[in-house]
Each structure stands twice: as structure tokens, then as C-alpha cells.
PDB file of N, CA and C in Angstrom:
ATOM      1  N   MET A   1      37.638 -29.768  28.707  1.00  0.00           N
ATOM      2  CA  MET A   1      39.368 -29.541  28.106  1.00  0.00           C
ATOM      3  C   MET A   1      39.682 -29.509  29.696  1.00  0.00           C
ATOM      4  N   PRO A   2      41.011 -29.976  30.005  1.00  0.00           N
ATOM      5  CA  PRO A   2      40.772 -29.832  31.627  1.00  0.00           C
ATOM      6  C   PRO A   2      42.025 -28.577  31.733  1.00  0.00           C
ATOM      7  N   LYS A   3      41.318 -28.400  33.360  1.00  0.00           N
ATOM      8  CA  LYS A   3      42.056 -26.854  33.947  1.00  0.00           C
ATOM      9  C   LYS A   3      43.716 -26.895  33.471  1.00  0.00           C
ATOM     10  N   ASP A   4      43.474 -25.654  32.940  1.00  0.00           N
ATOM     11  CA  ASP A   4      45.512 -25.515  33.298  1.00  0.00           C
ATOM     12  C   ASP A   4      45.427 -24.137  34.046  1.00  0.00           C
ATOM     13  N   ILE A   5      46.563 -25.518  35.242  1.00  0.00           N
ATOM     14  CA  ILE A   5      47.277 -24.832  36.437  1.00  0.00           C
ATOM     15  C   ILE A   5      47.637 -23.869  36.386  1.00  0.00           C
ATOM     16  N   SER A   6      48.326 -23.545  34.977  1.00  0.00           N
ATOM     17  CA  SER A   6      49.279 -22.778  35.195  1.00  0.00           C
ATOM     18  C   SER A   6      48.359 -21.339  33.993  1.00  0.00           C
ATOM     19  N   ILE A   7      47.119 -21.020  35.068  1.00  0.00           N
ATOM     20  CA  ILE A   7      46.715 -19.792  33.612  1.00  0.00           C
ATOM     21  C   ILE A   7      46.368 -19.688  35.720  1.00  0.00           C
ATOM     22  N   ARG A   8      46.358 -18.191  36.134  1.00  0.00           N
ATOM     23  CA  ARG A   8      46.284 -17.725  37.893  1.00  0.00           C
ATOM     24  C   ARG A   8      46.144 -16.845  37.429  1.00  0.00           C
ATOM     25  N   SER A   9      45.804 -15.435  36.348  1.00  0.00           N
ATOM     26  CA  SER A   9      44.760 -14.681  36.189  1.00  0.00           C
ATOM     27  C   SER A   9      45.125 -14.199  34.362  1.00  0.00           C
ATOM     28  N   VAL A  10      44.624 -13.635  34.355  1.00  0.00           N
ATOM     29  CA  VAL A  10      43.841 -13.040  33.354  1.00  0.00           C
ATOM     30  C   VAL A  10      43.159 -12.349  32.759  1.00  0.00           C
ATOM     31  N   LEU A  11      43.834 -11.490  31.727  1.00  0.00           N
ATOM     32  CA  LEU A  11      43.094 -10.028  31.566  1.00  0.00           C
ATOM     33  C   LEU A  11      41.647 -10.672  30.278  1.00  0.00           C
ATOM     34  N   LEU A  12      40.957  -9.900  30.656  1.00  0.00           N
ATOM     35  CA  LEU A  12      39.709  -9.594  29.916  1.00  0.00           C
ATOM     36  C   LEU A  12      38.992  -8.689  29.100  1.00  0.00           C
ATOM     37  N   ILE A  13      39.474  -8.677  27.492  1.00  0.00           N
ATOM     38  CA  ILE A  13      39.293  -8.038  27.006  1.00  0.00           C
ATOM     39  C   ILE A  13      37.737  -6.593  26.780  1.00  0.00           C
ATOM     40  N   GLY A  14      37.248  -5.869  27.418  1.00  0.00           N
ATOM     41  CA  GLY A  14      35.836  -5.629  26.856  1.00  0.00           C
ATOM     42  C   GLY A  14      35.390  -4.987  25.302  1.00  0.00           C
ATOM     43  N   SER A  15      34.723  -4.478  25.099  1.00  0.00           N
ATOM     44  CA  SER A  15      34.237  -4.455  23.817  1.00  0.00           C
ATOM     45  C   SER A  15      33.516  -3.205  23.489  1.00  0.00           C
ATOM     46  N   GLY A  16      34.174  -2.210  24.290  1.00  0.00           N
ATOM     47  CA  GLY A  16      34.327  -1.232  24.458  1.00  0.00           C
ATOM     48  C   GLY A  16      32.629  -0.497  24.431  1.00  0.00           C
ATOM     49  N   PRO A  17      32.540   1.054  23.510  1.00  0.00           N
ATOM     50  CA  PRO A  17      31.020   1.607  23.782  1.00  0.00           C
ATOM     51  C   PRO A  17      29.381   0.526  22.902  1.00  0.00           C
ATOM     52  N   ILE A  18      28.782   0.832  23.872  1.00  0.00           N
ATOM     53  CA  ILE A  18      28.051  -0.070  23.103  1.00  0.00           C
ATOM     54  C   ILE A  18      26.795   0.875  22.946  1.00  0.00           C
ATOM     55  N   ILE A  19      26.450   0.361  21.512  1.00  0.00           N
ATOM     56  CA  ILE A  19      25.188   1.033  20.464  1.00  0.00           C
ATOM     57  C   ILE A  19      24.754   0.799  21.226  1.00  0.00           C
ATOM     58  N   ILE A  20      22.770   1.202  21.282  1.00  0.00           N
ATOM     59  CA  ILE A  20      21.566   1.153  21.691  1.00  0.00           C
ATOM     60  C   ILE A  20      21.884  -0.165  20.137  1.00  0.00           C
ATOM     61  N   GLY A  21      20.898  -1.313  21.229  1.00  0.00           N
ATOM     62  CA  GLY A  21      20.579  -2.134  19.612  1.00  0.00           C
ATOM     63  C   GLY A  21      21.465  -2.853  19.847  1.00  0.00           C
ATOM     64  N   GLN A  22      22.768  -3.361  20.302  1.00  0.00           N
ATOM     65  CA  GLN A  22      23.753  -3.653  19.171  1.00  0.00           C
ATOM     66  C   GLN A  22      25.164  -4.085  20.703  1.00  0.00           C
ATOM     67  N   ALA A  23      25.654  -4.935  20.294  1.00  0.00           N
ATOM     68  CA  ALA A  23      26.722  -5.364  21.607  1.00  0.00           C
ATOM     69  C   ALA A  23      26.228  -6.116  22.300  1.00  0.00           C
ATOM     70  N   CYS A  24      25.168  -5.753  23.141  1.00  0.00           N
ATOM     71  CA  CYS A  24      25.338  -6.221  24.683  1.00  0.00           C
ATOM     72  C   CYS A  24      25.691  -6.959  25.001  1.00  0.00           C
ATOM     73  N   GLU A  25      25.610  -8.915  24.606  1.00  0.00           N
ATOM     74  CA  GLU A  25      25.899  -9.548  24.241  1.00  0.00           C
ATOM     75  C   GLU A  25      27.160  -9.952  24.650  1.00  0.00           C
ATOM     76  N   PHE A  26      28.131  -8.724  24.822  1.00  0.00           N
ATOM     77  CA  PHE A  26      29.350  -9.165  24.845  1.00  0.00           C
ATOM     78  C   PHE A  26      29.217  -8.504  25.828  1.00  0.00           C
ATOM     79  N   ASP A  27      28.480  -7.687  26.490  1.00  0.00           N
ATOM     80  CA  ASP A  27      28.958  -7.565  28.334  1.00  0.00           C
ATOM     81  C   ASP A  27      28.204  -8.139  29.135  1.00  0.00           C
ATOM     82  N   TYR A  28      27.612  -9.130  28.734  1.00  0.00           N
ATOM     83  CA  TYR A  28      26.436 -10.199  29.332  1.00  0.00           C
ATOM     84  C   TYR A  28      27.796 -11.272  30.016  1.00  0.00           C
ATOM     85  N   SER A  29      28.076 -11.367  28.541  1.00  0.00           N
ATOM     86  CA  SER A  29      29.211 -12.606  28.475  1.00  0.00           C
ATOM     87  C   SER A  29      30.023 -12.388  29.045  1.00  0.00           C
ATOM     88  N   GLY A  30      31.093 -11.660  28.618  1.00  0.00           N
ATOM     89  CA  GLY A  30      31.614 -10.981  29.666  1.00  0.00           C
ATOM     90  C   GLY A  30      31.595 -10.888  30.553  1.00  0.00           C
ATOM     91  N   SER A  31      30.698 -11.157  31.349  1.00  0.00           N
ATOM     92  CA  SER A  31      30.538 -10.629  32.976  1.00  0.00           C
ATOM     93  C   SER A  31      30.549 -12.259  32.899  1.00  0.00           C
ATOM     94  N   GLN A  32      30.079 -12.725  32.936  1.00  0.00           N
ATOM     95  CA  GLN A  32      29.009 -14.584  32.814  1.00  0.00           C
ATOM     96  C   GLN A  32      30.853 -14.228  32.525  1.00  0.00           C
ATOM     97  N   ALA A  33      31.828 -14.612  32.167  1.00  0.00           N
ATOM     98  CA  ALA A  33      33.659 -15.430  31.854  1.00  0.00           C
ATOM     99  C   ALA A  33      33.703 -14.443  33.079  1.00  0.00           C
ATOM    100  N   ALA A  34      33.553 -13.493  33.335  1.00  0.00           N
ATOM    101  CA  ALA A  34      34.378 -13.320  35.066  1.00  0.00           C
ATOM    102  C   ALA A  34      34.389 -13.431  35.612  1.00  0.00           C
ATOM    103  N   ARG A  35      33.113 -14.217  36.103  1.00  0.00           N
ATOM    104  CA  ARG A  35      32.571 -14.003  37.146  1.00  0.00           C
ATOM    105  C   ARG A  35      32.558 -16.134  37.716  1.00  0.00           C
ATOM    106  N   SER A  36      32.330 -16.865  36.170  1.00  0.00           N
ATOM    107  CA  SER A  36      33.523 -18.485  35.936  1.00  0.00           C
ATOM    108  C   SER A  36      34.450 -18.479  36.738  1.00  0.00           C
ATOM    109  N   LEU A  37      35.671 -17.334  35.713  1.00  0.00           N
ATOM    110  CA  LEU A  37      36.647 -17.926  36.165  1.00  0.00           C
ATOM    111  C   LEU A  37      37.205 -16.956  37.995  1.00  0.00           C
ATOM    112  N   LYS A  38      35.972 -16.466  38.796  1.00  0.00           N
ATOM    113  CA  LYS A  38      36.901 -16.245  39.555  1.00  0.00           C
ATOM    114  C   LYS A  38      36.288 -17.439  40.103  1.00  0.00           C
ATOM    115  N   GLU A  39      35.484 -17.575  40.566  1.00  0.00           N
ATOM    116  CA  GLU A  39      34.701 -19.319  40.782  1.00  0.00           C
ATOM    117  C   GLU A  39      35.882 -20.086  40.586  1.00  0.00           C
ATOM    118  N   GLU A  40      36.411 -20.337  39.630  1.00  0.00           N
ATOM    119  CA  GLU A  40      37.624 -21.453  39.847  1.00  0.00           C
ATOM    120  C   GLU A  40      38.480 -21.013  40.531  1.00  0.00           C
ATOM    121  N   GLY A  41      38.813 -19.560  40.648  1.00  0.00           N
ATOM    122  CA  GLY A  41      39.893 -19.257  41.400  1.00  0.00           C
ATOM    123  C   GLY A  41      40.886 -18.558  40.519  1.00  0.00           C
ATOM    124  N   ILE A  42      40.700 -18.437  40.026  1.00  0.00           N
ATOM    125  CA  ILE A  42      41.911 -17.348  38.740  1.00  0.00           C
ATOM    126  C   ILE A  42      40.833 -15.589  39.166  1.00  0.00           C
ATOM    127  N   LYS A  43      42.108 -15.255  39.315  1.00  0.00           N
ATOM    128  CA  LYS A  43      42.400 -14.090  39.738  1.00  0.00           C
ATOM    129  C   LYS A  43      41.776 -13.122  37.743  1.00  0.00           C
ATOM    130  N   VAL A  44      41.002 -11.781  37.779  1.00  0.00           N
ATOM    131  CA  VAL A  44      40.260 -11.064  36.678  1.00  0.00           C
ATOM    132  C   VAL A  44      40.707 -10.144  36.659  1.00  0.00           C
ATOM    133  N   ILE A  45      41.166  -9.186  36.040  1.00  0.00           N
ATOM    134  CA  ILE A  45      42.059  -8.364  34.918  1.00  0.00           C
ATOM    135  C   ILE A  45      40.960  -7.830  33.883  1.00  0.00           C
ATOM    136  N   LEU A  46      40.276  -6.375  34.335  1.00  0.00           N
ATOM    137  CA  LEU A  46      39.007  -6.544  33.106  1.00  0.00           C
ATOM    138  C   LEU A  46      39.485  -5.000  32.484  1.00  0.00           C
ATOM    139  N   ILE A  47      39.782  -4.486  31.231  1.00  0.00           N
ATOM    140  CA  ILE A  47      39.724  -3.278  30.894  1.00  0.00           C
ATOM    141  C   ILE A  47      38.119  -3.026  29.502  1.00  0.00           C
ATOM    142  N   ASN A  48      38.638  -2.343  29.560  1.00  0.00           N
ATOM    143  CA  ASN A  48      36.792  -1.867  29.100  1.00  0.00           C
ATOM    144  C   ASN A  48      37.167  -0.036  28.861  1.00  0.00           C
ATOM    145  N   SER A  49      36.984  -0.134  27.069  1.00  0.00           N
ATOM    146  CA  SER A  49      36.353   2.186  27.406  1.00  0.00           C
ATOM    147  C   SER A  49      34.631   2.318  27.989  1.00  0.00           C
ATOM    148  N   ASN A  50      34.378   1.385  27.765  1.00  0.00           N
ATOM    149  CA  ASN A  50      32.601   2.190  28.557  1.00  0.00           C
ATOM    150  C   ASN A  50      32.820   1.848  30.437  1.00  0.00           C
ATOM    151  N   PRO A  51      32.392   2.958  30.888  1.00  0.00           N
ATOM    152  CA  PRO A  51      31.232   2.822  32.045  1.00  0.00           C
ATOM    153  C   PRO A  51      30.128   2.012  32.356  1.00  0.00           C
ATOM    154  N   ALA A  52      29.961   2.933  31.725  1.00  0.00           N
ATOM    155  CA  ALA A  52      27.784   2.233  31.247  1.00  0.00           C
ATOM    156  C   ALA A  52      27.308   0.900  31.428  1.00  0.00           C
ATOM    157  N   THR A  53      28.738  -0.636  31.642  1.00  0.00           N
ATOM    158  CA  THR A  53      28.555  -1.722  31.030  1.00  0.00           C
ATOM    159  C   THR A  53      28.713  -2.187  32.682  1.00  0.00           C
ATOM    160  N   ILE A  54      27.610  -3.860  32.759  1.00  0.00           N
ATOM    161  CA  ILE A  54      27.683  -4.378  33.992  1.00  0.00           C
ATOM    162  C   ILE A  54      29.319  -5.093  34.500  1.00  0.00           C
ATOM    163  N   MET A  55      29.963  -4.491  32.805  1.00  0.00           N
ATOM    164  CA  MET A  55      31.133  -5.565  32.915  1.00  0.00           C
ATOM    165  C   MET A  55      31.642  -5.024  34.012  1.00  0.00           C
ATOM    166  N   THR A  56      31.687  -3.755  33.836  1.00  0.00           N
ATOM    167  CA  THR A  56      33.309  -2.983  34.750  1.00  0.00           C
ATOM    168  C   THR A  56      32.828  -2.637  36.060  1.00  0.00           C
ATOM    169  N   ASP A  57      31.751  -3.106  36.410  1.00  0.00           N
ATOM    170  CA  ASP A  57      31.268  -2.971  38.319  1.00  0.00           C
ATOM    171  C   ASP A  57      32.220  -3.452  38.505  1.00  0.00           C
ATOM    172  N   PRO A  58      32.385  -2.925  39.918  1.00  0.00           N
ATOM    173  CA  PRO A  58      33.821  -3.377  40.135  1.00  0.00           C
ATOM    174  C   PRO A  58      33.337  -4.838  41.334  1.00  0.00           C
ATOM    175  N   VAL A  59      32.458  -5.401  41.165  1.00  0.00           N
ATOM    176  CA  VAL A  59      32.450  -7.465  42.105  1.00  0.00           C
ATOM    177  C   VAL A  59      32.577  -8.244  40.645  1.00  0.00           C
ATOM    178  N   THR A  60      33.052  -7.411  39.458  1.00  0.00           N
ATOM    179  CA  THR A  60      32.875  -8.207  38.727  1.00  0.00           C
ATOM    180  C   THR A  60      34.507  -8.635  38.701  1.00  0.00           C
ATOM    181  N   ALA A  61      35.606  -7.651  38.361  1.00  0.00           N
ATOM    182  CA  ALA A  61      36.261  -8.943  38.139  1.00  0.00           C
ATOM    183  C   ALA A  61      37.757  -8.461  39.479  1.00  0.00           C
ATOM    184  N   ASP A  62      38.598  -8.784  39.783  1.00  0.00           N
ATOM    185  CA  ASP A  62      39.539  -8.556  41.011  1.00  0.00           C
ATOM    186  C   ASP A  62      40.499  -6.845  40.483  1.00  0.00           C
ATOM    187  N   HIS A  63      40.784  -6.437  39.692  1.00  0.00           N
ATOM    188  CA  HIS A  63      40.856  -5.165  39.018  1.00  0.00           C
ATOM    189  C   HIS A  63      40.456  -5.118  37.734  1.00  0.00           C
ATOM    190  N   VAL A  64      39.762  -3.326  38.157  1.00  0.00           N
ATOM    191  CA  VAL A  64      38.792  -2.932  36.306  1.00  0.00           C
ATOM    192  C   VAL A  64      39.362  -1.634  35.698  1.00  0.00           C
ATOM    193  N   TYR A  65      39.429  -1.953  34.668  1.00  0.00           N
ATOM    194  CA  TYR A  65      40.551  -0.313  33.674  1.00  0.00           C
ATOM    195  C   TYR A  65      39.614   0.528  33.419  1.00  0.00           C
ATOM    196  N   LEU A  66      38.950   1.473  33.532  1.00  0.00           N
ATOM    197  CA  LEU A  66      38.005   2.122  32.973  1.00  0.00           C
ATOM    198  C   LEU A  66      39.058   3.138  32.023  1.00  0.00           C
ATOM    199  N   LEU A  67      39.964   2.125  30.457  1.00  0.00           N
ATOM    200  CA  LEU A  67      41.202   3.106  29.307  1.00  0.00           C
ATOM    201  C   LEU A  67      40.717   3.083  28.488  1.00  0.00           C
ATOM    202  N   PRO A  68      40.991   3.726  27.272  1.00  0.00           N
ATOM    203  CA  PRO A  68      41.134   3.359  26.438  1.00  0.00           C
ATOM    204  C   PRO A  68      41.591   2.023  25.159  1.00  0.00           C
ATOM    205  N   LEU A  69      40.690   0.960  24.927  1.00  0.00           N
ATOM    206  CA  LEU A  69      40.925   0.137  24.586  1.00  0.00           C
ATOM    207  C   LEU A  69      42.008   0.061  23.201  1.00  0.00           C
ATOM    208  N   ASN A  70      43.729   0.290  23.319  1.00  0.00           N
ATOM    209  CA  ASN A  70      44.556   0.832  22.912  1.00  0.00           C
ATOM    210  C   ASN A  70      45.673  -0.410  23.110  1.00  0.00           C
ATOM    211  N   PRO A  71      47.262  -1.090  22.307  1.00  0.00           N
ATOM    212  CA  PRO A  71      47.525  -1.099  22.899  1.00  0.00           C
ATOM    213  C   PRO A  71      48.396  -0.593  23.776  1.00  0.00           C
ATOM    214  N   ALA A  72      48.298   0.796  24.088  1.00  0.00           N
ATOM    215  CA  ALA A  72      49.312   1.525  24.831  1.00  0.00           C
ATOM    216  C   ALA A  72      49.229   1.247  26.429  1.00  0.00           C
ATOM    217  N   SER A  73      47.416   1.342  26.603  1.00  0.00           N
ATOM    218  CA  SER A  73      46.504   0.613  27.964  1.00  0.00           C
ATOM    219  C   SER A  73      47.087  -0.777  27.839  1.00  0.00           C
ATOM    220  N   ILE A  74      47.227  -2.295  26.982  1.00  0.00           N
ATOM    221  CA  ILE A  74      46.736  -2.824  27.448  1.00  0.00           C
ATOM    222  C   ILE A  74      48.599  -3.620  27.904  1.00  0.00           C
ATOM    223  N   GLU A  75      50.109  -2.733  27.683  1.00  0.00           N
ATOM    224  CA  GLU A  75      50.770  -2.102  27.965  1.00  0.00           C
ATOM    225  C   GLU A  75      51.377  -1.736  29.256  1.00  0.00           C
ATOM    226  N   GLN A  76      49.896  -0.739  29.602  1.00  0.00           N
ATOM    227  CA  GLN A  76      50.774  -0.669  30.510  1.00  0.00           C
ATOM    228  C   GLN A  76      49.731  -1.598  32.284  1.00  0.00           C
ATOM    229  N   ILE A  77      48.909  -1.806  31.862  1.00  0.00           N
ATOM    230  CA  ILE A  77      48.146  -3.386  32.461  1.00  0.00           C
ATOM    231  C   ILE A  77      49.044  -4.708  32.031  1.00  0.00           C
ATOM    232  N   LEU A  78      49.844  -4.798  31.131  1.00  0.00           N
ATOM    233  CA  LEU A  78      51.131  -5.950  31.294  1.00  0.00           C
ATOM    234  C   LEU A  78      52.273  -5.354  32.462  1.00  0.00           C
ATOM    235  N   THR A  79      52.434  -4.267  32.697  1.00  0.00           N
ATOM    236  CA  THR A  79      53.441  -4.241  33.616  1.00  0.00           C
ATOM    237  C   THR A  79      52.856  -3.533  35.318  1.00  0.00           C
ATOM    238  N   GLU A  80      51.432  -3.652  35.346  1.00  0.00           N
ATOM    239  CA  GLU A  80      51.700  -4.112  36.763  1.00  0.00           C
ATOM    240  C   GLU A  80      51.047  -4.946  37.421  1.00  0.00           C
ATOM    241  N   HIS A  81      50.397  -5.966  36.175  1.00  0.00           N
ATOM    242  CA  HIS A  81      50.165  -7.034  36.782  1.00  0.00           C
ATOM    243  C   HIS A  81      51.019  -8.678  35.976  1.00  0.00           C
ATOM    244  N   GLN A  82      50.847  -9.335  37.373  1.00  0.00           N
ATOM    245  CA  GLN A  82      51.412 -10.850  35.699  1.00  0.00           C
ATOM    246  C   GLN A  82      50.426 -11.665  35.381  1.00  0.00           C
ATOM    247  N   ILE A  83      50.238 -11.248  34.058  1.00  0.00           N
ATOM    248  CA  ILE A  83      48.614 -11.520  33.404  1.00  0.00           C
ATOM    249  C   ILE A  83      49.409 -13.231  32.969  1.00  0.00           C
ATOM    250  N   ASP A  84      49.134 -14.072  33.394  1.00  0.00           N
ATOM    251  CA  ASP A  84      48.499 -15.635  32.920  1.00  0.00           C
ATOM    252  C   ASP A  84      48.631 -15.799  31.132  1.00  0.00           C
ATOM    253  N   ALA A  85      47.286 -15.625  30.486  1.00  0.00           N
ATOM    254  CA  ALA A  85      46.617 -15.080  29.746  1.00  0.00           C
ATOM    255  C   ALA A  85      45.608 -14.893  29.327  1.00  0.00           C
ATOM    256  N   VAL A  86      45.299 -13.827  27.941  1.00  0.00           N
ATOM    257  CA  VAL A  86      44.361 -13.542  27.765  1.00  0.00           C
ATOM    258  C   VAL A  86      42.785 -13.885  26.941  1.00  0.00           C
ATOM    259  N   LEU A  87      41.883 -13.650  27.463  1.00  0.00           N
ATOM    260  CA  LEU A  87      40.362 -14.187  26.692  1.00  0.00           C
ATOM    261  C   LEU A  87      39.922 -12.640  25.782  1.00  0.00           C
ATOM    262  N   PRO A  88      40.160 -12.212  24.849  1.00  0.00           N
ATOM    263  CA  PRO A  88      39.606 -11.268  23.683  1.00  0.00           C
ATOM    264  C   PRO A  88      38.016 -11.672  23.714  1.00  0.00           C
ATOM    265  N   THR A  89      37.996 -13.021  23.334  1.00  0.00           N
ATOM    266  CA  THR A  89      36.376 -13.476  22.944  1.00  0.00           C
ATOM    267  C   THR A  89      35.531 -12.682  23.454  1.00  0.00           C
ATOM    268  N   MET A  90      35.181 -12.868  24.657  1.00  0.00           N
ATOM    269  CA  MET A  90      34.488 -12.117  25.041  1.00  0.00           C
ATOM    270  C   MET A  90      33.786 -10.462  24.592  1.00  0.00           C
ATOM    271  N   GLY A  91      34.744  -9.809  24.117  1.00  0.00           N
ATOM    272  CA  GLY A  91      34.496  -8.545  24.132  1.00  0.00           C
ATOM    273  C   GLY A  91      34.284  -7.664  22.171  1.00  0.00           C
ATOM    274  N   GLY A  92      34.078  -9.317  21.330  1.00  0.00           N
ATOM    275  CA  GLY A  92      33.341  -8.911  19.797  1.00  0.00           C
ATOM    276  C   GLY A  92      35.090  -8.124  19.301  1.00  0.00           C
ATOM    277  N   GLN A  93      34.135  -7.919  18.074  1.00  0.00           N
ATOM    278  CA  GLN A  93      35.579  -8.018  16.820  1.00  0.00           C
ATOM    279  C   GLN A  93      35.780  -6.846  17.807  1.00  0.00           C
ATOM    280  N   THR A  94      36.257  -5.376  18.410  1.00  0.00           N
ATOM    281  CA  THR A  94      36.654  -4.772  19.095  1.00  0.00           C
ATOM    282  C   THR A  94      38.116  -5.526  19.866  1.00  0.00           C
ATOM    283  N   ALA A  95      37.556  -6.387  20.367  1.00  0.00           N
ATOM    284  CA  ALA A  95      38.687  -6.876  21.513  1.00  0.00           C
ATOM    285  C   ALA A  95      39.962  -7.759  20.823  1.00  0.00           C
ATOM    286  N   LEU A  96      38.735  -8.737  19.610  1.00  0.00           N
ATOM    287  CA  LEU A  96      39.151  -9.667  18.581  1.00  0.00           C
ATOM    288  C   LEU A  96      40.868  -8.643  17.877  1.00  0.00           C
ATOM    289  N   ASN A  97      40.694  -7.582  18.177  1.00  0.00           N
ATOM    290  CA  ASN A  97      41.250  -6.789  16.722  1.00  0.00           C
ATOM    291  C   ASN A  97      42.376  -5.950  17.242  1.00  0.00           C
ATOM    292  N   LEU A  98      42.250  -6.166  18.259  1.00  0.00           N
ATOM    293  CA  LEU A  98      43.432  -5.447  20.143  1.00  0.00           C
ATOM    294  C   LEU A  98      43.971  -6.371  20.116  1.00  0.00           C
ATOM    295  N   ALA A  99      43.823  -7.605  20.194  1.00  0.00           N
ATOM    296  CA  ALA A  99      44.260  -8.220  20.841  1.00  0.00           C
ATOM    297  C   ALA A  99      45.415  -9.028  20.046  1.00  0.00           C
ATOM    298  N   ILE A 100      44.966  -8.806  18.675  1.00  0.00           N
ATOM    299  CA  ILE A 100      45.968  -9.610  16.986  1.00  0.00           C
ATOM    300  C   ILE A 100      46.655  -8.423  17.237  1.00  0.00           C
ATOM    301  N   GLU A 101      46.707  -7.004  17.520  1.00  0.00           N
ATOM    302  CA  GLU A 101      47.083  -5.743  17.078  1.00  0.00           C
ATOM    303  C   GLU A 101      48.904  -6.224  17.704  1.00  0.00           C
ATOM    304  N   CYS A 102      48.434  -6.528  19.666  1.00  0.00           N
ATOM    305  CA  CYS A 102      48.802  -7.042  20.355  1.00  0.00           C
ATOM    306  C   CYS A 102      50.027  -8.082  19.731  1.00  0.00           C
ATOM    307  N   ASP A 103      49.263  -9.050  19.646  1.00  0.00           N
ATOM    308  CA  ASP A 103      49.879  -9.809  19.082  1.00  0.00           C
ATOM    309  C   ASP A 103      51.550  -9.615  18.164  1.00  0.00           C
ATOM    310  N   GLU A 104      50.944  -8.654  16.979  1.00  0.00           N
ATOM    311  CA  GLU A 104      51.614  -8.739  16.061  1.00  0.00           C
ATOM    312  C   GLU A 104      52.816  -7.121  16.424  1.00  0.00           C
ATOM    313  N   MET A 105      52.535  -6.517  17.793  1.00  0.00           N
ATOM    314  CA  MET A 105      53.304  -6.013  17.940  1.00  0.00           C
ATOM    315  C   MET A 105      54.624  -6.635  18.848  1.00  0.00           C
ATOM    316  N   GLY A 106      54.008  -7.930  19.773  1.00  0.00           N
ATOM    317  CA  GLY A 106      54.176  -8.550  20.030  1.00  0.00           C
ATOM    318  C   GLY A 106      54.368  -8.319  21.594  1.00  0.00           C
ATOM    319  N   LEU A 107      53.014  -7.709  22.358  1.00  0.00           N
ATOM    320  CA  LEU A 107      53.293  -7.557  23.723  1.00  0.00           C
ATOM    321  C   LEU A 107      53.457  -8.989  24.884  1.00  0.00           C
ATOM    322  N   TRP A 108      51.951 -10.382  23.715  1.00  0.00           N
ATOM    323  CA  TRP A 108      52.316 -10.753  24.150  1.00  0.00           C
ATOM    324  C   TRP A 108      53.368 -11.860  24.560  1.00  0.00           C
ATOM    325  N   LYS A 109      54.417 -11.970  24.122  1.00  0.00           N
ATOM    326  CA  LYS A 109      55.559 -12.519  23.527  1.00  0.00           C
ATOM    327  C   LYS A 109      56.113 -11.834  24.769  1.00  0.00           C
ATOM    328  N   LYS A 110      56.363 -10.993  24.724  1.00  0.00           N
ATOM    329  CA  LYS A 110      57.519  -9.732  25.581  1.00  0.00           C
ATOM    330  C   LYS A 110      56.662 -10.225  27.112  1.00  0.00           C
ATOM    331  N   TYR A 111      55.740 -10.209  27.562  1.00  0.00           N
ATOM    332  CA  TYR A 111      55.007 -10.063  28.523  1.00  0.00           C
ATOM    333  C   TYR A 111      55.279 -11.791  29.403  1.00  0.00           C
ATOM    334  N   ASN A 112      54.749 -12.688  28.408  1.00  0.00           N
ATOM    335  CA  ASN A 112      55.069 -14.230  28.531  1.00  0.00           C
ATOM    336  C   ASN A 112      53.172 -14.451  29.117  1.00  0.00           C
ATOM    337  N   VAL A 113      52.722 -13.532  28.327  1.00  0.00           N
ATOM    338  CA  VAL A 113      51.243 -14.151  28.533  1.00  0.00           C
ATOM    339  C   VAL A 113      50.666 -14.974  27.471  1.00  0.00           C
ATOM    340  N   THR A 114      49.986 -16.196  27.460  1.00  0.00           N
ATOM    341  CA  THR A 114      49.774 -17.442  26.536  1.00  0.00           C
ATOM    342  C   THR A 114      48.760 -16.371  26.010  1.00  0.00           C
ATOM    343  N   HIS A 115      48.452 -16.817  24.843  1.00  0.00           N
ATOM    344  CA  HIS A 115      47.297 -16.334  23.791  1.00  0.00           C
ATOM    345  C   HIS A 115      47.244 -17.332  22.360  1.00  0.00           C
ATOM    346  N   ASP A 116      46.520 -18.814  22.823  1.00  0.00           N
ATOM    347  CA  ASP A 116      46.465 -18.904  22.392  1.00  0.00           C
ATOM    348  C   ASP A 116      44.636 -19.639  21.304  1.00  0.00           C
ATOM    349  N   TRP A 117      44.624 -18.636  21.046  1.00  0.00           N
ATOM    350  CA  TRP A 117      43.199 -18.393  20.578  1.00  0.00           C
ATOM    351  C   TRP A 117      43.498 -17.666  18.845  1.00  0.00           C
ATOM    352  N   CYS A 118      45.050 -17.241  18.765  1.00  0.00           N
ATOM    353  CA  CYS A 118      45.543 -16.336  17.753  1.00  0.00           C
ATOM    354  C   CYS A 118      46.123 -17.368  16.746  1.00  0.00           C
TER     355      CYS A 118
END
């Protein structure tokens, strides 16, 4: 797939709390996705409610938000940053459910965020 040069910033939604033996692959994949996006020159804004993950290390993303994973937190970030696209697929079911809820509320459309995954 060719690079979409219109995407200059991405909101990456994390998976929240990790239970021992569960969901650590989302933390790893999310941190690798952030790294790859940054290497492509794309600004990464990350939200995760769990501060005890490698994903929330300050060098992983350009902006890290340790906030509850809910639509109010997403809207707060959308008002603070010009987000071009959202990437919820690195945060497992928690991130996917949140992204769908935000879509049903019309947040992605309101803030002109690409959300081709839904």
C-alpha cells in the first residue's frame, strides 16, 4: 500500500491495564507501530490509561496522555491536536471498542479524523 502523504499525525490508542500473562503483545505492537510511524515522519499522539507499559515511555510518542480510555479523553486530545488518523488496532479489544464508540458519537467526523478501519 502506498504511503498516504495526507496523514501527518496519528492518534494511537493503547490497551489500558495489562493483566499478567494477558495483552502484553498489544503493548509491544503499539510501541513498534509508534516507532515505525515516527520513522516515517508522522507525529504520534498516544493515549493509554496504564503508565506501566513500554508504550507510554516518553520516547515512544511525540505526546503521551495517561488518561482514562473513554470518549471524553479522546475528545480532549482531539481539541488539543490536529489528528489526521486514528490507529486503534494496536490496543486490542479495548481500543477497538473505544474507537467504535467514538465513531458512533460522531467524534471522528466532527474532528475530520480518518478512520478507515471501521
